[in-house]
Amino acid sequence: MTVLREALADYLRLRRSLGHQMAETAWLLPDFVAFMEDRGQTTVTIAAALAWAKSREGEVVTTVSPRRVTAVRGFARQLIGTDPDTEVPPLGLLPYRQRWRPPFLYSDADIAAVMAATDTFDPPLRAATYRTLIGLLAATGLRVSEAINLDRPQPKTQLG
């Protein structure tokens, strides 16, 4: 196992122990380390990170290359503690504009039709639950996940 590969294993282990899932990073960084090993490099540099990110992207520009550089940035920030020659890629090295889709606004008739469709659900409690959820979403503008995660605080009990 190379020094860089050991450092990657330590980095992922540390970040996961701190509660980070590291799903995309754990998928991207082994490829970066293999790229570095193929080139015979042992020190992370901005040029190497940029070359790796660009080598893995085709003709179409996507948000993947900036995310690759972001993964390397986190790894390099840890490596700089043990290898002072490490270069941390700066923010905005590969800029991208995230494209958000505009929200779809339902008309009052659409909302009424969806709520009426819940009457066909069985059992009746399911129909009432969905009708309430749809009404809550329409009235407040909450996201579905926000509405589902609503909860009221548990009352404090005094023992003794």
N, C-alpha and C. Protein backbone atom coordinates (compact mmCIF):
# COMPACT_ATOMS: atom_id res chain seq x y z
N MET A 1 0.86 -1.18 0.00
CA MET A 1 0.00 0.00 0.00
C MET A 1 0.90 1.24 0.00
N THR A 2 0.61 2.16 -0.90
CA THR A 2 1.43 3.37 -0.99
C THR A 2 1.10 4.35 0.12
N VAL A 3 1.97 5.32 0.30
CA VAL A 3 1.77 6.34 1.34
C VAL A 3 0.48 7.12 1.07
N LEU A 4 0.25 7.44 -0.19
CA LEU A 4 -0.95 8.20 -0.54
C LEU A 4 -2.22 7.37 -0.30
N ARG A 5 -2.15 6.09 -0.60
CA ARG A 5 -3.32 5.22 -0.38
C ARG A 5 -3.59 5.05 1.12
N GLU A 6 -2.54 4.96 1.92
CA GLU A 6 -2.70 4.88 3.37
C GLU A 6 -3.29 6.17 3.91
N ALA A 7 -2.81 7.30 3.39
CA ALA A 7 -3.33 8.60 3.82
C ALA A 7 -4.81 8.72 3.47
N LEU A 8 -5.20 8.21 2.31
CA LEU A 8 -6.61 8.24 1.92
C LEU A 8 -7.45 7.40 2.87
N ALA A 9 -6.98 6.21 3.20
CA ALA A 9 -7.72 5.35 4.13
C ALA A 9 -7.88 6.03 5.48
N ASP A 10 -6.81 6.68 5.96
CA ASP A 10 -6.88 7.42 7.24
C ASP A 10 -7.87 8.58 7.14
N TYR A 11 -7.84 9.30 6.03
CA TYR A 11 -8.72 10.45 5.82
C TYR A 11 -10.18 10.01 5.83
N LEU A 12 -10.50 8.97 5.09
CA LEU A 12 -11.89 8.50 5.03
C LEU A 12 -12.34 7.97 6.39
N ARG A 13 -11.46 7.24 7.08
CA ARG A 13 -11.79 6.71 8.40
C ARG A 13 -12.08 7.84 9.39
N LEU A 14 -11.24 8.87 9.37
CA LEU A 14 -11.42 10.01 10.27
C LEU A 14 -12.72 10.73 9.98
N ARG A 15 -12.96 11.05 8.71
CA ARG A 15 -14.17 11.79 8.36
C ARG A 15 -15.43 11.00 8.69
N ARG A 16 -15.40 9.70 8.46
CA ARG A 16 -16.57 8.88 8.80
C ARG A 16 -16.78 8.81 10.31
N SER A 17 -15.69 8.76 11.06
CA SER A 17 -15.82 8.73 12.52
C SER A 17 -16.40 10.02 13.06
N LEU A 18 -16.28 11.10 12.29
CA LEU A 18 -16.85 12.38 12.68
C LEU A 18 -18.30 12.55 12.21
N GLY A 19 -18.83 11.49 11.56
CA GLY A 19 -20.22 11.50 11.16
C GLY A 19 -20.50 11.84 9.70
N HIS A 20 -19.46 12.02 8.91
CA HIS A 20 -19.65 12.32 7.49
C HIS A 20 -19.83 11.01 6.73
N GLN A 21 -20.76 11.00 5.78
CA GLN A 21 -21.00 9.77 5.02
C GLN A 21 -19.94 9.53 3.96
N MET A 22 -19.43 10.58 3.36
CA MET A 22 -18.33 10.49 2.40
C MET A 22 -18.65 9.61 1.20
N ALA A 23 -19.91 9.52 0.80
CA ALA A 23 -20.30 8.62 -0.29
C ALA A 23 -19.60 8.97 -1.59
N GLU A 24 -19.76 10.20 -2.05
CA GLU A 24 -19.14 10.58 -3.33
C GLU A 24 -17.62 10.66 -3.21
N THR A 25 -17.15 11.21 -2.12
CA THR A 25 -15.72 11.36 -1.92
C THR A 25 -15.03 9.99 -1.87
N ALA A 26 -15.64 9.04 -1.18
CA ALA A 26 -15.07 7.70 -1.08
C ALA A 26 -15.05 7.00 -2.42
N TRP A 27 -15.89 7.44 -3.33
CA TRP A 27 -15.93 6.87 -4.67
C TRP A 27 -14.92 7.57 -5.59
N LEU A 28 -14.73 8.89 -5.40
CA LEU A 28 -13.86 9.68 -6.27
C LEU A 28 -12.38 9.57 -5.91
N LEU A 29 -12.05 9.68 -4.64
CA LEU A 29 -10.64 9.79 -4.25
C LEU A 29 -9.77 8.56 -4.56
N PRO A 30 -10.28 7.33 -4.47
CA PRO A 30 -9.42 6.21 -4.87
C PRO A 30 -8.98 6.32 -6.34
N ASP A 31 -9.85 6.86 -7.18
CA ASP A 31 -9.48 7.07 -8.57
C ASP A 31 -8.39 8.14 -8.68
N PHE A 32 -8.50 9.17 -7.86
CA PHE A 32 -7.47 10.21 -7.85
C PHE A 32 -6.13 9.64 -7.40
N VAL A 33 -6.14 8.84 -6.37
CA VAL A 33 -4.90 8.23 -5.86
C VAL A 33 -4.29 7.32 -6.93
N ALA A 34 -5.14 6.55 -7.63
CA ALA A 34 -4.63 5.69 -8.71
C ALA A 34 -4.03 6.55 -9.83
N PHE A 35 -4.67 7.66 -10.13
CA PHE A 35 -4.15 8.59 -11.14
C PHE A 35 -2.78 9.11 -10.72
N MET A 36 -2.65 9.47 -9.45
CA MET A 36 -1.37 9.96 -8.93
C MET A 36 -0.30 8.87 -9.00
N GLU A 37 -0.66 7.64 -8.63
CA GLU A 37 0.29 6.53 -8.66
C GLU A 37 0.74 6.24 -10.10
N ASP A 38 -0.20 6.29 -11.03
CA ASP A 38 0.14 6.05 -12.44
C ASP A 38 1.15 7.08 -12.96
N ARG A 39 1.04 8.30 -12.44
CA ARG A 39 1.96 9.36 -12.86
C ARG A 39 3.24 9.38 -12.02
N GLY A 40 3.31 8.55 -11.00
CA GLY A 40 4.49 8.49 -10.15
C GLY A 40 4.59 9.67 -9.20
N GLN A 41 3.48 10.33 -8.92
CA GLN A 41 3.48 11.48 -8.01
C GLN A 41 3.06 11.04 -6.62
N THR A 42 3.72 11.61 -5.62
CA THR A 42 3.38 11.30 -4.24
C THR A 42 2.85 12.52 -3.49
N THR A 43 2.93 13.68 -4.12
CA THR A 43 2.47 14.91 -3.49
C THR A 43 1.31 15.49 -4.29
N VAL A 44 0.24 15.82 -3.60
CA VAL A 44 -0.92 16.42 -4.26
C VAL A 44 -0.59 17.85 -4.64
N THR A 45 -0.83 18.17 -5.91
CA THR A 45 -0.62 19.53 -6.39
C THR A 45 -1.89 20.00 -7.08
N ILE A 46 -1.99 21.31 -7.25
CA ILE A 46 -3.14 21.87 -7.94
C ILE A 46 -3.17 21.37 -9.38
N ALA A 47 -2.00 21.33 -10.02
CA ALA A 47 -1.93 20.86 -11.41
C ALA A 47 -2.39 19.41 -11.54
N ALA A 48 -2.01 18.56 -10.58
CA ALA A 48 -2.42 17.15 -10.62
C ALA A 48 -3.93 17.02 -10.42
N ALA A 49 -4.47 17.78 -9.48
CA ALA A 49 -5.92 17.73 -9.23
C ALA A 49 -6.69 18.19 -10.47
N LEU A 50 -6.22 19.24 -11.09
CA LEU A 50 -6.86 19.77 -12.29
C LEU A 50 -6.74 18.78 -13.46
N ALA A 51 -5.57 18.20 -13.62
CA ALA A 51 -5.38 17.22 -14.70
C ALA A 51 -6.28 16.01 -14.50
N TRP A 52 -6.39 15.54 -13.26
CA TRP A 52 -7.26 14.39 -12.97
C TRP A 52 -8.71 14.73 -13.25
N ALA A 53 -9.16 15.87 -12.77
CA ALA A 53 -10.57 16.25 -12.95
C ALA A 53 -10.90 16.38 -14.43
N LYS A 54 -10.03 17.00 -15.18
CA LYS A 54 -10.29 17.21 -16.61
C LYS A 54 -10.14 15.92 -17.41
N SER A 55 -9.27 15.02 -16.98
CA SER A 55 -9.07 13.78 -17.74
C SER A 55 -10.27 12.86 -17.64
N ARG A 56 -11.06 13.01 -16.62
CA ARG A 56 -12.20 12.13 -16.40
C ARG A 56 -13.49 12.68 -16.99
N GLU A 57 -13.45 13.86 -17.59
CA GLU A 57 -14.65 14.46 -18.15
C GLU A 57 -14.56 14.47 -19.66
N GLY A 58 -15.64 14.16 -20.31
CA GLY A 58 -15.67 14.13 -21.77
C GLY A 58 -15.86 15.52 -22.36
N GLU A 59 -16.48 15.53 -23.51
CA GLU A 59 -16.71 16.78 -24.24
C GLU A 59 -17.73 17.67 -23.53
N VAL A 60 -18.72 17.06 -22.91
CA VAL A 60 -19.80 17.82 -22.29
C VAL A 60 -19.35 18.30 -20.92
N VAL A 61 -19.52 19.59 -20.65
CA VAL A 61 -19.15 20.16 -19.36
C VAL A 61 -20.28 19.88 -18.37
N THR A 62 -19.93 19.29 -17.25
CA THR A 62 -20.91 18.98 -16.21
C THR A 62 -20.42 19.55 -14.88
N THR A 63 -21.13 19.22 -13.83
CA THR A 63 -20.72 19.66 -12.49
C THR A 63 -19.79 18.65 -11.84
N VAL A 64 -19.44 17.58 -12.55
CA VAL A 64 -18.62 16.52 -11.95
C VAL A 64 -17.20 17.00 -11.69
N SER A 65 -16.58 17.69 -12.65
CA SER A 65 -15.19 18.14 -12.46
C SER A 65 -15.04 19.04 -11.23
N PRO A 66 -15.91 20.03 -11.03
CA PRO A 66 -15.77 20.83 -9.81
C PRO A 66 -15.96 20.01 -8.54
N ARG A 67 -16.83 19.01 -8.58
CA ARG A 67 -17.01 18.16 -7.40
C ARG A 67 -15.78 17.30 -7.17
N ARG A 68 -15.11 16.89 -8.22
CA ARG A 68 -13.87 16.13 -8.09
C ARG A 68 -12.81 16.98 -7.39
N VAL A 69 -12.68 18.23 -7.82
CA VAL A 69 -11.69 19.13 -7.22
C VAL A 69 -12.05 19.39 -5.75
N THR A 70 -13.32 19.49 -5.46
CA THR A 70 -13.76 19.69 -4.07
C THR A 70 -13.35 18.49 -3.21
N ALA A 71 -13.49 17.28 -3.74
CA ALA A 71 -13.08 16.08 -2.99
C ALA A 71 -11.58 16.11 -2.73
N VAL A 72 -10.80 16.48 -3.74
CA VAL A 72 -9.34 16.55 -3.58
C VAL A 72 -8.98 17.64 -2.58
N ARG A 73 -9.72 18.75 -2.59
CA ARG A 73 -9.42 19.87 -1.67
C ARG A 73 -9.49 19.41 -0.22
N GLY A 74 -10.53 18.67 0.13
CA GLY A 74 -10.65 18.18 1.51
C GLY A 74 -9.52 17.24 1.88
N PHE A 75 -9.19 16.35 0.96
CA PHE A 75 -8.10 15.40 1.18
C PHE A 75 -6.77 16.14 1.32
N ALA A 76 -6.53 17.12 0.46
CA ALA A 76 -5.27 17.87 0.49
C ALA A 76 -5.14 18.68 1.78
N ARG A 77 -6.26 19.19 2.29
CA ARG A 77 -6.20 19.96 3.54
C ARG A 77 -5.70 19.09 4.69
N GLN A 78 -6.04 17.81 4.67
CA GLN A 78 -5.52 16.93 5.71
C GLN A 78 -4.06 16.57 5.43
N LEU A 79 -3.73 16.33 4.17
CA LEU A 79 -2.36 15.92 3.82
C LEU A 79 -1.33 17.00 4.11
N ILE A 80 -1.74 18.26 4.05
CA ILE A 80 -0.77 19.35 4.23
C ILE A 80 -0.14 19.31 5.63
N GLY A 81 -0.84 18.65 6.58
CA GLY A 81 -0.28 18.52 7.93
C GLY A 81 0.93 17.59 7.98
N THR A 82 0.98 16.62 7.09
CA THR A 82 2.09 15.67 7.09
C THR A 82 3.05 15.88 5.92
N ASP A 83 2.56 16.56 4.88
CA ASP A 83 3.40 16.83 3.72
C ASP A 83 3.27 18.31 3.37
N PRO A 84 4.21 19.13 3.82
CA PRO A 84 4.09 20.58 3.60
C PRO A 84 4.16 21.00 2.13
N ASP A 85 4.59 20.10 1.24
CA ASP A 85 4.63 20.42 -0.18
C ASP A 85 3.26 20.27 -0.85
N THR A 86 2.29 19.74 -0.11
CA THR A 86 0.94 19.56 -0.66
C THR A 86 0.33 20.92 -1.00
N GLU A 87 -0.32 20.97 -2.15
CA GLU A 87 -1.01 22.18 -2.57
C GLU A 87 -2.51 21.93 -2.48
N VAL A 88 -3.23 22.85 -1.84
CA VAL A 88 -4.68 22.72 -1.70
C VAL A 88 -5.34 23.49 -2.84
N PRO A 89 -6.12 22.80 -3.68
CA PRO A 89 -6.80 23.51 -4.77
C PRO A 89 -7.73 24.59 -4.22
N PRO A 90 -7.66 25.80 -4.77
CA PRO A 90 -8.49 26.89 -4.24
C PRO A 90 -9.95 26.73 -4.64
N LEU A 91 -10.80 27.37 -3.87
CA LEU A 91 -12.22 27.42 -4.23
C LEU A 91 -12.37 28.12 -5.56
N GLY A 92 -13.30 27.67 -6.37
CA GLY A 92 -13.56 28.32 -7.65
C GLY A 92 -12.57 27.98 -8.74
N LEU A 93 -11.71 26.98 -8.52
CA LEU A 93 -10.74 26.60 -9.54
C LEU A 93 -11.44 26.16 -10.82
N LEU A 94 -12.48 25.38 -10.67
CA LEU A 94 -13.33 25.00 -11.80
C LEU A 94 -14.75 25.46 -11.47
N PRO A 95 -15.09 26.69 -11.83
CA PRO A 95 -16.40 27.20 -11.46
C PRO A 95 -17.52 26.51 -12.24
N TYR A 96 -18.65 26.45 -11.63
CA TYR A 96 -19.84 25.95 -12.31
C TYR A 96 -21.05 26.65 -11.74
N ARG A 97 -22.05 26.67 -12.55
CA ARG A 97 -23.30 27.28 -12.11
C ARG A 97 -24.31 26.16 -11.93
N GLN A 98 -24.79 26.01 -10.72
CA GLN A 98 -25.78 24.98 -10.48
C GLN A 98 -27.11 25.46 -11.03
N ARG A 99 -27.72 24.63 -11.81
CA ARG A 99 -28.97 25.02 -12.43
C ARG A 99 -30.13 24.43 -11.65
N TRP A 100 -30.88 25.28 -11.04
CA TRP A 100 -32.06 24.85 -10.29
C TRP A 100 -33.27 24.96 -11.21
N ARG A 101 -34.09 23.97 -11.15
CA ARG A 101 -35.33 24.03 -11.91
C ARG A 101 -36.29 24.96 -11.18
N PRO A 102 -37.03 25.77 -11.92
CA PRO A 102 -38.00 26.63 -11.25
C PRO A 102 -39.10 25.77 -10.63
N PRO A 103 -39.61 26.17 -9.50
CA PRO A 103 -40.65 25.35 -8.86
C PRO A 103 -41.93 25.35 -9.70
N PHE A 104 -42.62 24.23 -9.65
CA PHE A 104 -43.91 24.14 -10.34
C PHE A 104 -44.98 24.58 -9.36
N LEU A 105 -45.77 25.54 -9.74
CA LEU A 105 -46.83 26.03 -8.88
C LEU A 105 -48.17 25.43 -9.32
N TYR A 106 -48.80 24.72 -8.40
CA TYR A 106 -50.09 24.10 -8.69
C TYR A 106 -51.19 25.15 -8.56
N SER A 107 -52.16 25.06 -9.43
CA SER A 107 -53.31 25.96 -9.34
C SER A 107 -54.23 25.46 -8.24
N ASP A 108 -55.17 26.29 -7.84
CA ASP A 108 -56.14 25.87 -6.82
C ASP A 108 -56.94 24.66 -7.30
N ALA A 109 -57.25 24.62 -8.59
CA ALA A 109 -58.00 23.49 -9.15
C ALA A 109 -57.17 22.21 -9.09
N ASP A 110 -55.86 22.33 -9.38
CA ASP A 110 -54.97 21.16 -9.30
C ASP A 110 -54.93 20.61 -7.88
N ILE A 111 -54.80 21.50 -6.92
CA ILE A 111 -54.73 21.07 -5.51
C ILE A 111 -56.03 20.41 -5.10
N ALA A 112 -57.16 20.99 -5.48
CA ALA A 112 -58.46 20.41 -5.15
C ALA A 112 -58.60 19.03 -5.77
N ALA A 113 -58.14 18.87 -7.01
CA ALA A 113 -58.24 17.57 -7.69
C ALA A 113 -57.37 16.52 -7.00
N VAL A 114 -56.17 16.89 -6.59
CA VAL A 114 -55.29 15.93 -5.90
C VAL A 114 -55.88 15.57 -4.54
N MET A 115 -56.41 16.55 -3.84
CA MET A 115 -57.02 16.25 -2.53
C MET A 115 -58.25 15.37 -2.69
N ALA A 116 -59.03 15.60 -3.74
CA ALA A 116 -60.22 14.77 -3.98
C ALA A 116 -59.81 13.34 -4.32
N ALA A 117 -58.69 13.18 -5.00
CA ALA A 117 -58.21 11.84 -5.36
C ALA A 117 -57.85 11.02 -4.13
N THR A 118 -57.55 11.66 -3.02
CA THR A 118 -57.21 10.92 -1.81
C THR A 118 -58.41 10.18 -1.24
N ASP A 119 -59.63 10.56 -1.65
CA ASP A 119 -60.82 9.88 -1.14
C ASP A 119 -60.88 8.42 -1.56
N THR A 120 -60.11 8.07 -2.59
CA THR A 120 -60.12 6.69 -3.06
C THR A 120 -59.15 5.80 -2.29
N PHE A 121 -58.35 6.39 -1.44
CA PHE A 121 -57.37 5.61 -0.69
C PHE A 121 -58.06 4.78 0.37
N ASP A 122 -57.47 3.63 0.63
CA ASP A 122 -58.01 2.76 1.65
C ASP A 122 -56.87 2.35 2.56
N PRO A 123 -56.93 2.35 3.79
CA PRO A 123 -58.06 2.65 4.67
C PRO A 123 -58.32 4.15 4.78
N PRO A 124 -59.44 4.52 5.38
CA PRO A 124 -59.83 5.94 5.48
C PRO A 124 -58.80 6.82 6.19
N LEU A 125 -58.07 6.26 7.14
CA LEU A 125 -57.05 7.06 7.83
C LEU A 125 -55.94 7.47 6.87
N ARG A 126 -55.59 6.61 5.93
CA ARG A 126 -54.59 6.95 4.93
C ARG A 126 -55.09 8.12 4.07
N ALA A 127 -56.35 8.08 3.68
CA ALA A 127 -56.93 9.16 2.88
C ALA A 127 -56.87 10.48 3.66
N ALA A 128 -57.22 10.44 4.93
CA ALA A 128 -57.19 11.66 5.75
C ALA A 128 -55.77 12.16 5.94
N THR A 129 -54.82 11.25 6.09
CA THR A 129 -53.42 11.64 6.27
C THR A 129 -52.90 12.35 5.02
N TYR A 130 -53.14 11.76 3.87
CA TYR A 130 -52.67 12.39 2.62
C TYR A 130 -53.37 13.71 2.35
N ARG A 131 -54.66 13.77 2.62
CA ARG A 131 -55.41 15.01 2.42
C ARG A 131 -54.82 16.11 3.31
N THR A 132 -54.51 15.77 4.54
CA THR A 132 -53.92 16.74 5.47
C THR A 132 -52.53 17.17 5.00
N LEU A 133 -51.73 16.20 4.58
CA LEU A 133 -50.39 16.51 4.10
C LEU A 133 -50.43 17.43 2.88
N ILE A 134 -51.28 17.13 1.94
CA ILE A 134 -51.39 17.97 0.73
C ILE A 134 -51.87 19.36 1.09
N GLY A 135 -52.82 19.45 1.97
CA GLY A 135 -53.31 20.77 2.41
C GLY A 135 -52.22 21.56 3.12
N LEU A 136 -51.44 20.87 3.95
CA LEU A 136 -50.34 21.53 4.66
C LEU A 136 -49.29 22.05 3.67
N LEU A 137 -48.94 21.23 2.70
CA LEU A 137 -47.97 21.65 1.68
C LEU A 137 -48.49 22.86 0.90
N ALA A 138 -49.75 22.81 0.51
CA ALA A 138 -50.33 23.90 -0.28
C ALA A 138 -50.42 25.19 0.52
N ALA A 139 -50.74 25.08 1.79
CA ALA A 139 -50.94 26.27 2.61
C ALA A 139 -49.65 26.91 3.09
N THR A 140 -48.61 26.09 3.31
CA THR A 140 -47.39 26.62 3.93
C THR A 140 -46.20 26.75 2.98
N GLY A 141 -46.20 25.98 1.90
CA GLY A 141 -45.04 26.01 1.02
C GLY A 141 -43.88 25.17 1.51
N LEU A 142 -44.13 24.31 2.49
CA LEU A 142 -43.08 23.42 2.98
C LEU A 142 -42.69 22.42 1.90
N ARG A 143 -41.48 21.92 2.00
CA ARG A 143 -41.08 20.80 1.17
C ARG A 143 -41.70 19.54 1.76
N VAL A 144 -41.84 18.51 0.93
CA VAL A 144 -42.44 17.27 1.41
C VAL A 144 -41.66 16.72 2.61
N SER A 145 -40.33 16.69 2.50
CA SER A 145 -39.52 16.15 3.60
C SER A 145 -39.68 16.97 4.88
N GLU A 146 -39.83 18.29 4.73
CA GLU A 146 -40.01 19.14 5.91
C GLU A 146 -41.35 18.85 6.58
N ALA A 147 -42.38 18.68 5.78
CA ALA A 147 -43.71 18.40 6.35
C ALA A 147 -43.73 17.03 7.03
N ILE A 148 -43.11 16.04 6.40
CA ILE A 148 -43.10 14.69 6.97
C ILE A 148 -42.31 14.66 8.28
N ASN A 149 -41.27 15.46 8.37
CA ASN A 149 -40.42 15.46 9.57
C ASN A 149 -40.94 16.36 10.68
N LEU A 150 -42.08 17.00 10.47
CA LEU A 150 -42.62 17.83 11.55
C LEU A 150 -42.94 16.95 12.75
N ASP A 151 -42.65 17.47 13.90
CA ASP A 151 -42.93 16.73 15.12
C ASP A 151 -43.11 17.75 16.24
N ARG A 152 -43.82 17.38 17.23
CA ARG A 152 -43.96 18.30 18.36
C ARG A 152 -43.04 17.82 19.48
N PRO A 153 -42.54 18.77 20.25
CA PRO A 153 -41.62 18.37 21.32
C PRO A 153 -42.32 17.51 22.37
N GLN A 154 -41.57 16.59 22.90
CA GLN A 154 -42.11 15.74 23.96
C GLN A 154 -42.20 16.51 25.25
N PRO A 155 -43.29 16.34 26.00
CA PRO A 155 -43.39 17.07 27.28
C PRO A 155 -42.33 16.58 28.26
N LYS A 156 -41.82 17.52 29.01
CA LYS A 156 -40.82 17.17 30.02
C LYS A 156 -41.54 16.60 31.24
N THR A 157 -41.03 15.49 31.71
CA THR A 157 -41.61 14.90 32.92
C THR A 157 -40.63 15.05 34.06
N GLN A 158 -41.20 15.21 35.23
CA GLN A 158 -40.34 15.33 36.41
C GLN A 158 -40.44 14.04 37.19
N LEU A 159 -39.30 13.46 37.42
CA LEU A 159 -39.26 12.23 38.19
C LEU A 159 -38.95 12.58 39.64
N GLY A 160 -39.61 11.91 40.52
CA GLY A 160 -39.23 12.07 41.90
C GLY A 160 -40.25 12.66 42.68
